[in-house]
Amino acid sequence: MITSAAALVAWIEAALPEADPAAFGPWLAEPPGPGALAAIVHIRIESAHQPPRSACVTLSAHPLTDNHTAP
């Protein structure tokens, strides 16, 4: 069970694909560029007396060198 915002972030980080740290930078909330890894996170919040809300975040891990070719 996720009990805090920190636990939610930790869960998202654990669910991201592994990126080779020698080939890719950290996951950032940025649009993917050429050769970047990308993941889209969808969040929906439903609570009493509020309309449902949702957000979508694109995370990217950019290649560290220009000559990297994505798989």
PDB file of N, CA and C in Angstrom:
ATOM      1  N   MET A   1       0.840  -1.176   0.000  1.00  0.00           N
ATOM      2  CA  MET A   1       0.000   0.000   0.000  1.00  0.00           C
ATOM      3  C   MET A   1       0.886   1.241   0.000  1.00  0.00           C
ATOM      4  N   ILE A   2       0.504   2.217  -0.785  1.00  0.00           N
ATOM      5  CA  ILE A   2       1.228   3.483  -0.842  1.00  0.00           C
ATOM      6  C   ILE A   2       0.603   4.415   0.190  1.00  0.00           C
ATOM      7  N   THR A   3       1.424   4.910   1.116  1.00  0.00           N
ATOM      8  CA  THR A   3       0.897   5.702   2.227  1.00  0.00           C
ATOM      9  C   THR A   3       1.367   7.149   2.230  1.00  0.00           C
ATOM     10  N   SER A   4       2.184   7.551   1.257  1.00  0.00           N
ATOM     11  CA  SER A   4       2.667   8.929   1.231  1.00  0.00           C
ATOM     12  C   SER A   4       3.121   9.284  -0.177  1.00  0.00           C
ATOM     13  N   ALA A   5       3.317  10.565  -0.405  1.00  0.00           N
ATOM     14  CA  ALA A   5       3.828  11.011  -1.711  1.00  0.00           C
ATOM     15  C   ALA A   5       5.220  10.429  -1.958  1.00  0.00           C
ATOM     16  N   ALA A   6       6.031  10.338  -0.928  1.00  0.00           N
ATOM     17  CA  ALA A   6       7.374   9.766  -1.079  1.00  0.00           C
ATOM     18  C   ALA A   6       7.284   8.300  -1.496  1.00  0.00           C
ATOM     19  N   ALA A   7       6.332   7.566  -0.924  1.00  0.00           N
ATOM     20  CA  ALA A   7       6.156   6.163  -1.293  1.00  0.00           C
ATOM     21  C   ALA A   7       5.661   6.040  -2.734  1.00  0.00           C
ATOM     22  N   LEU A   8       4.816   6.976  -3.183  1.00  0.00           N
ATOM     23  CA  LEU A   8       4.346   6.966  -4.570  1.00  0.00           C
ATOM     24  C   LEU A   8       5.516   7.198  -5.523  1.00  0.00           C
ATOM     25  N   VAL A   9       6.365   8.168  -5.220  1.00  0.00           N
ATOM     26  CA  VAL A   9       7.537   8.432  -6.066  1.00  0.00           C
ATOM     27  C   VAL A   9       8.459   7.218  -6.084  1.00  0.00           C
ATOM     28  N   ALA A  10       8.683   6.595  -4.945  1.00  0.00           N
ATOM     29  CA  ALA A  10       9.537   5.401  -4.886  1.00  0.00           C
ATOM     30  C   ALA A  10       8.936   4.274  -5.730  1.00  0.00           C
ATOM     31  N   TRP A  11       7.617   4.118  -5.699  1.00  0.00           N
ATOM     32  CA  TRP A  11       6.960   3.082  -6.496  1.00  0.00           C
ATOM     33  C   TRP A  11       7.137   3.360  -7.982  1.00  0.00           C
ATOM     34  N   ILE A  12       6.948   4.617  -8.391  1.00  0.00           N
ATOM     35  CA  ILE A  12       7.132   4.987  -9.800  1.00  0.00           C
ATOM     36  C   ILE A  12       8.568   4.715 -10.228  1.00  0.00           C
ATOM     37  N   GLU A  13       9.543   5.121  -9.423  1.00  0.00           N
ATOM     38  CA  GLU A  13      10.948   4.889  -9.765  1.00  0.00           C
ATOM     39  C   GLU A  13      11.247   3.404  -9.908  1.00  0.00           C
ATOM     40  N   ALA A  14      10.675   2.579  -9.037  1.00  0.00           N
ATOM     41  CA  ALA A  14      10.914   1.134  -9.104  1.00  0.00           C
ATOM     42  C   ALA A  14      10.250   0.519 -10.341  1.00  0.00           C
ATOM     43  N   ALA A  15       9.175   1.132 -10.829  1.00  0.00           N
ATOM     44  CA  ALA A  15       8.453   0.589 -11.978  1.00  0.00           C
ATOM     45  C   ALA A  15       9.059   1.017 -13.319  1.00  0.00           C
ATOM     46  N   LEU A  16       9.937   2.010 -13.318  1.00  0.00           N
ATOM     47  CA  LEU A  16      10.551   2.467 -14.565  1.00  0.00           C
ATOM     48  C   LEU A  16      11.495   1.405 -15.116  1.00  0.00           C
ATOM     49  N   PRO A  17      11.623   1.335 -16.434  1.00  0.00           N
ATOM     50  CA  PRO A  17      12.593   0.401 -17.014  1.00  0.00           C
ATOM     51  C   PRO A  17      14.008   0.746 -16.558  1.00  0.00           C
ATOM     52  N   GLU A  18      14.826  -0.261 -16.421  1.00  0.00           N
ATOM     53  CA  GLU A  18      16.218  -0.025 -16.055  1.00  0.00           C
ATOM     54  C   GLU A  18      16.938   0.635 -17.220  1.00  0.00           C
ATOM     55  N   ALA A  19      17.672   1.692 -16.922  1.00  0.00           N
ATOM     56  CA  ALA A  19      18.472   2.372 -17.940  1.00  0.00           C
ATOM     57  C   ALA A  19      19.945   2.186 -17.577  1.00  0.00           C
ATOM     58  N   ASP A  20      20.736   1.764 -18.531  1.00  0.00           N
ATOM     59  CA  ASP A  20      22.171   1.578 -18.314  1.00  0.00           C
ATOM     60  C   ASP A  20      22.779   2.922 -17.922  1.00  0.00           C
ATOM     61  N   PRO A  21      23.305   3.060 -16.685  1.00  0.00           N
ATOM     62  CA  PRO A  21      23.844   4.349 -16.246  1.00  0.00           C
ATOM     63  C   PRO A  21      25.069   4.803 -17.037  1.00  0.00           C
ATOM     64  N   ALA A  22      25.717   3.895 -17.752  1.00  0.00           N
ATOM     65  CA  ALA A  22      26.851   4.282 -18.591  1.00  0.00           C
ATOM     66  C   ALA A  22      26.375   4.842 -19.927  1.00  0.00           C
ATOM     67  N   ALA A  23      25.114   4.574 -20.287  1.00  0.00           N
ATOM     68  CA  ALA A  23      24.597   5.008 -21.582  1.00  0.00           C
ATOM     69  C   ALA A  23      23.527   6.090 -21.488  1.00  0.00           C
ATOM     70  N   PHE A  24      22.828   6.176 -20.337  1.00  0.00           N
ATOM     71  CA  PHE A  24      21.707   7.104 -20.206  1.00  0.00           C
ATOM     72  C   PHE A  24      21.827   7.938 -18.937  1.00  0.00           C
ATOM     73  N   GLY A  25      21.334   9.165 -19.025  1.00  0.00           N
ATOM     74  CA  GLY A  25      21.251  10.021 -17.853  1.00  0.00           C
ATOM     75  C   GLY A  25      20.068   9.615 -16.995  1.00  0.00           C
ATOM     76  N   PRO A  26      19.789  10.392 -15.949  1.00  0.00           N
ATOM     77  CA  PRO A  26      18.678  10.061 -15.050  1.00  0.00           C
ATOM     78  C   PRO A  26      17.327  10.297 -15.721  1.00  0.00           C
ATOM     79  N   TRP A  27      16.305   9.690 -15.150  1.00  0.00           N
ATOM     80  CA  TRP A  27      14.941   9.927 -15.619  1.00  0.00           C
ATOM     81  C   TRP A  27      14.549  11.354 -15.238  1.00  0.00           C
ATOM     82  N   LEU A  28      14.044  12.117 -16.216  1.00  0.00           N
ATOM     83  CA  LEU A  28      13.628  13.501 -16.007  1.00  0.00           C
ATOM     84  C   LEU A  28      12.237  13.705 -16.592  1.00  0.00           C
ATOM     85  N   ALA A  29      11.505  14.663 -16.074  1.00  0.00           N
ATOM     86  CA  ALA A  29      10.181  14.994 -16.612  1.00  0.00           C
ATOM     87  C   ALA A  29      10.370  15.920 -17.810  1.00  0.00           C
ATOM     88  N   GLU A  30      10.782  15.325 -18.918  1.00  0.00           N
ATOM     89  CA  GLU A  30      11.049  16.054 -20.157  1.00  0.00           C
ATOM     90  C   GLU A  30      10.566  15.221 -21.341  1.00  0.00           C
ATOM     91  N   PRO A  31      10.253  15.890 -22.456  1.00  0.00           N
ATOM     92  CA  PRO A  31       9.909  15.120 -23.655  1.00  0.00           C
ATOM     93  C   PRO A  31      11.118  14.303 -24.124  1.00  0.00           C
ATOM     94  N   PRO A  32      10.881  13.122 -24.670  1.00  0.00           N
ATOM     95  CA  PRO A  32      12.004  12.308 -25.143  1.00  0.00           C
ATOM     96  C   PRO A  32      12.612  12.903 -26.410  1.00  0.00           C
ATOM     97  N   GLY A  33      13.921  12.812 -26.499  1.00  0.00           N
ATOM     98  CA  GLY A  33      14.630  13.229 -27.701  1.00  0.00           C
ATOM     99  C   GLY A  33      15.076  11.995 -28.459  1.00  0.00           C
ATOM    100  N   PRO A  34      15.829  12.180 -29.531  1.00  0.00           N
ATOM    101  CA  PRO A  34      16.323  11.037 -30.301  1.00  0.00           C
ATOM    102  C   PRO A  34      17.134  10.072 -29.440  1.00  0.00           C
ATOM    103  N   GLY A  35      16.793   8.804 -29.505  1.00  0.00           N
ATOM    104  CA  GLY A  35      17.515   7.773 -28.777  1.00  0.00           C
ATOM    105  C   GLY A  35      17.185   7.668 -27.298  1.00  0.00           C
ATOM    106  N   ALA A  36      16.296   8.521 -26.798  1.00  0.00           N
ATOM    107  CA  ALA A  36      15.961   8.511 -25.369  1.00  0.00           C
ATOM    108  C   ALA A  36      15.009   7.365 -25.039  1.00  0.00           C
ATOM    109  N   LEU A  37      15.097   6.906 -23.802  1.00  0.00           N
ATOM    110  CA  LEU A  37      14.090   6.001 -23.264  1.00  0.00           C
ATOM    111  C   LEU A  37      12.944   6.869 -22.776  1.00  0.00           C
ATOM    112  N   ALA A  38      11.726   6.384 -22.853  1.00  0.00           N
ATOM    113  CA  ALA A  38      10.580   7.180 -22.412  1.00  0.00           C
ATOM    114  C   ALA A  38       9.592   6.311 -21.654  1.00  0.00           C
ATOM    115  N   ALA A  39       8.942   6.908 -20.685  1.00  0.00           N
ATOM    116  CA  ALA A  39       7.879   6.243 -19.929  1.00  0.00           C
ATOM    117  C   ALA A  39       6.803   7.286 -19.647  1.00  0.00           C
ATOM    118  N   ILE A  40       5.560   6.887 -19.750  1.00  0.00           N
ATOM    119  CA  ILE A  40       4.444   7.780 -19.462  1.00  0.00           C
ATOM    120  C   ILE A  40       3.753   7.283 -18.201  1.00  0.00           C
ATOM    121  N   VAL A  41       3.576   8.180 -17.239  1.00  0.00           N
ATOM    122  CA  VAL A  41       2.932   7.846 -15.976  1.00  0.00           C
ATOM    123  C   VAL A  41       1.571   8.543 -15.949  1.00  0.00           C
ATOM    124  N   HIS A  42       0.506   7.755 -15.756  1.00  0.00           N
ATOM    125  CA  HIS A  42      -0.849   8.295 -15.649  1.00  0.00           C
ATOM    126  C   HIS A  42      -1.277   8.197 -14.190  1.00  0.00           C
ATOM    127  N   ILE A  43      -1.792   9.287 -13.657  1.00  0.00           N
ATOM    128  CA  ILE A  43      -2.273   9.309 -12.272  1.00  0.00           C
ATOM    129  C   ILE A  43      -3.708   9.802 -12.279  1.00  0.00           C
ATOM    130  N   ARG A  44      -4.584   9.102 -11.583  1.00  0.00           N
ATOM    131  CA  ARG A  44      -5.981   9.515 -11.457  1.00  0.00           C
ATOM    132  C   ARG A  44      -6.311   9.576  -9.971  1.00  0.00           C
ATOM    133  N   ILE A  45      -6.897  10.691  -9.572  1.00  0.00           N
ATOM    134  CA  ILE A  45      -7.272  10.877  -8.170  1.00  0.00           C
ATOM    135  C   ILE A  45      -8.785  10.978  -8.083  1.00  0.00           C
ATOM    136  N   GLU A  46      -9.379  10.120  -7.269  1.00  0.00           N
ATOM    137  CA  GLU A  46     -10.815  10.148  -7.013  1.00  0.00           C
ATOM    138  C   GLU A  46     -11.008  10.309  -5.514  1.00  0.00           C
ATOM    139  N   SER A  47     -11.766  11.328  -5.132  1.00  0.00           N
ATOM    140  CA  SER A  47     -12.032  11.546  -3.713  1.00  0.00           C
ATOM    141  C   SER A  47     -13.456  12.079  -3.540  1.00  0.00           C
ATOM    142  N   ALA A  48     -13.971  11.927  -2.345  1.00  0.00           N
ATOM    143  CA  ALA A  48     -15.340  12.353  -2.060  1.00  0.00           C
ATOM    144  C   ALA A  48     -15.494  13.859  -2.281  1.00  0.00           C
ATOM    145  N   HIS A  49     -16.628  14.230  -2.828  1.00  0.00           N
ATOM    146  CA  HIS A  49     -17.006  15.633  -3.019  1.00  0.00           C
ATOM    147  C   HIS A  49     -16.095  16.399  -3.976  1.00  0.00           C
ATOM    148  N   GLN A  50     -15.321  15.687  -4.781  1.00  0.00           N
ATOM    149  CA  GLN A  50     -14.452  16.314  -5.786  1.00  0.00           C
ATOM    150  C   GLN A  50     -14.628  15.562  -7.100  1.00  0.00           C
ATOM    151  N   PRO A  51     -14.588  16.265  -8.202  1.00  0.00           N
ATOM    152  CA  PRO A  51     -14.604  15.541  -9.476  1.00  0.00           C
ATOM    153  C   PRO A  51     -13.281  14.782  -9.649  1.00  0.00           C
ATOM    154  N   PRO A  52     -13.302  13.666 -10.372  1.00  0.00           N
ATOM    155  CA  PRO A  52     -12.049  12.948 -10.616  1.00  0.00           C
ATOM    156  C   PRO A  52     -11.041  13.857 -11.322  1.00  0.00           C
ATOM    157  N   ARG A  53      -9.791  13.709 -10.939  1.00  0.00           N
ATOM    158  CA  ARG A  53      -8.708  14.479 -11.553  1.00  0.00           C
ATOM    159  C   ARG A  53      -7.656  13.515 -12.050  1.00  0.00           C
ATOM    160  N   SER A  54      -6.968  13.929 -13.109  1.00  0.00           N
ATOM    161  CA  SER A  54      -5.915  13.067 -13.636  1.00  0.00           C
ATOM    162  C   SER A  54      -4.756  13.907 -14.136  1.00  0.00           C
ATOM    163  N   ALA A  55      -3.621  13.252 -14.208  1.00  0.00           N
ATOM    164  CA  ALA A  55      -2.406  13.896 -14.727  1.00  0.00           C
ATOM    165  C   ALA A  55      -1.625  12.852 -15.506  1.00  0.00           C
ATOM    166  N   CYS A  56      -0.855  13.329 -16.445  1.00  0.00           N
ATOM    167  CA  CYS A  56      -0.004  12.461 -17.244  1.00  0.00           C
ATOM    168  C   CYS A  56       1.375  13.112 -17.287  1.00  0.00           C
ATOM    169  N   VAL A  57       2.397  12.343 -16.952  1.00  0.00           N
ATOM    170  CA  VAL A  57       3.770  12.851 -16.932  1.00  0.00           C
ATOM    171  C   VAL A  57       4.616  11.976 -17.849  1.00  0.00           C
ATOM    172  N   THR A  58       5.346  12.607 -18.755  1.00  0.00           N
ATOM    173  CA  THR A  58       6.287  11.880 -19.598  1.00  0.00           C
ATOM    174  C   THR A  58       7.673  11.992 -18.977  1.00  0.00           C
ATOM    175  N   LEU A  59       8.286  10.850 -18.726  1.00  0.00           N
ATOM    176  CA  LEU A  59       9.641  10.804 -18.187  1.00  0.00           C
ATOM    177  C   LEU A  59      10.584  10.299 -19.268  1.00  0.00           C
ATOM    178  N   SER A  60      11.775  10.880 -19.331  1.00  0.00           N
ATOM    179  CA  SER A  60      12.745  10.491 -20.346  1.00  0.00           C
ATOM    180  C   SER A  60      14.119  10.324 -19.721  1.00  0.00           C
ATOM    181  N   ALA A  61      14.845   9.344 -20.225  1.00  0.00           N
ATOM    182  CA  ALA A  61      16.262   9.155 -19.887  1.00  0.00           C
ATOM    183  C   ALA A  61      17.017   9.348 -21.200  1.00  0.00           C
ATOM    184  N   HIS A  62      17.739  10.444 -21.282  1.00  0.00           N
ATOM    185  CA  HIS A  62      18.423  10.795 -22.533  1.00  0.00           C
ATOM    186  C   HIS A  62      19.772  10.096 -22.636  1.00  0.00           C
ATOM    187  N   PRO A  63      20.176   9.733 -23.843  1.00  0.00           N
ATOM    188  CA  PRO A  63      21.489   9.104 -24.022  1.00  0.00           C
ATOM    189  C   PRO A  63      22.599  10.086 -23.640  1.00  0.00           C
ATOM    190  N   LEU A  64      23.676   9.543 -23.094  1.00  0.00           N
ATOM    191  CA  LEU A  64      24.803  10.377 -22.677  1.00  0.00           C
ATOM    192  C   LEU A  64      25.693  10.780 -23.841  1.00  0.00           C
ATOM    193  N   THR A  65      25.631  10.040 -24.940  1.00  0.00           N
ATOM    194  CA  THR A  65      26.423  10.380 -26.117  1.00  0.00           C
ATOM    195  C   THR A  65      25.523  10.482 -27.330  1.00  0.00           C
ATOM    196  N   ASP A  66      25.931  11.254 -28.316  1.00  0.00           N
ATOM    197  CA  ASP A  66      25.136  11.445 -29.523  1.00  0.00           C
ATOM    198  C   ASP A  66      25.130  10.227 -30.420  1.00  0.00           C
ATOM    199  N   ASN A  67      26.084   9.316 -30.238  1.00  0.00           N
ATOM    200  CA  ASN A  67      26.167   8.190 -31.151  1.00  0.00           C
ATOM    201  C   ASN A  67      25.442   6.946 -30.623  1.00  0.00           C
ATOM    202  N   HIS A  68      24.651   7.079 -29.558  1.00  0.00           N
ATOM    203  CA  HIS A  68      23.887   5.946 -29.023  1.00  0.00           C
ATOM    204  C   HIS A  68      22.702   5.652 -29.926  1.00  0.00           C
ATOM    205  N   THR A  69      22.443   4.415 -30.160  1.00  0.00           N
ATOM    206  CA  THR A  69      21.288   3.988 -30.942  1.00  0.00           C
ATOM    207  C   THR A  69      20.328   3.255 -30.024  1.00  0.00           C
ATOM    208  N   ALA A  70      19.088   3.695 -29.988  1.00  0.00           N
ATOM    209  CA  ALA A  70      18.090   3.042 -29.135  1.00  0.00           C
ATOM    210  C   ALA A  70      17.814   1.641 -29.661  1.00  0.00           C
ATOM    211  N   PRO A  71      17.514   0.684 -28.739  1.00  0.00           N
ATOM    212  CA  PRO A  71      17.228  -0.691 -29.168  1.00  0.00           C
ATOM    213  C   PRO A  71      15.948  -0.780 -29.963  1.00  0.00           C
TER     214      PRO A  71
END
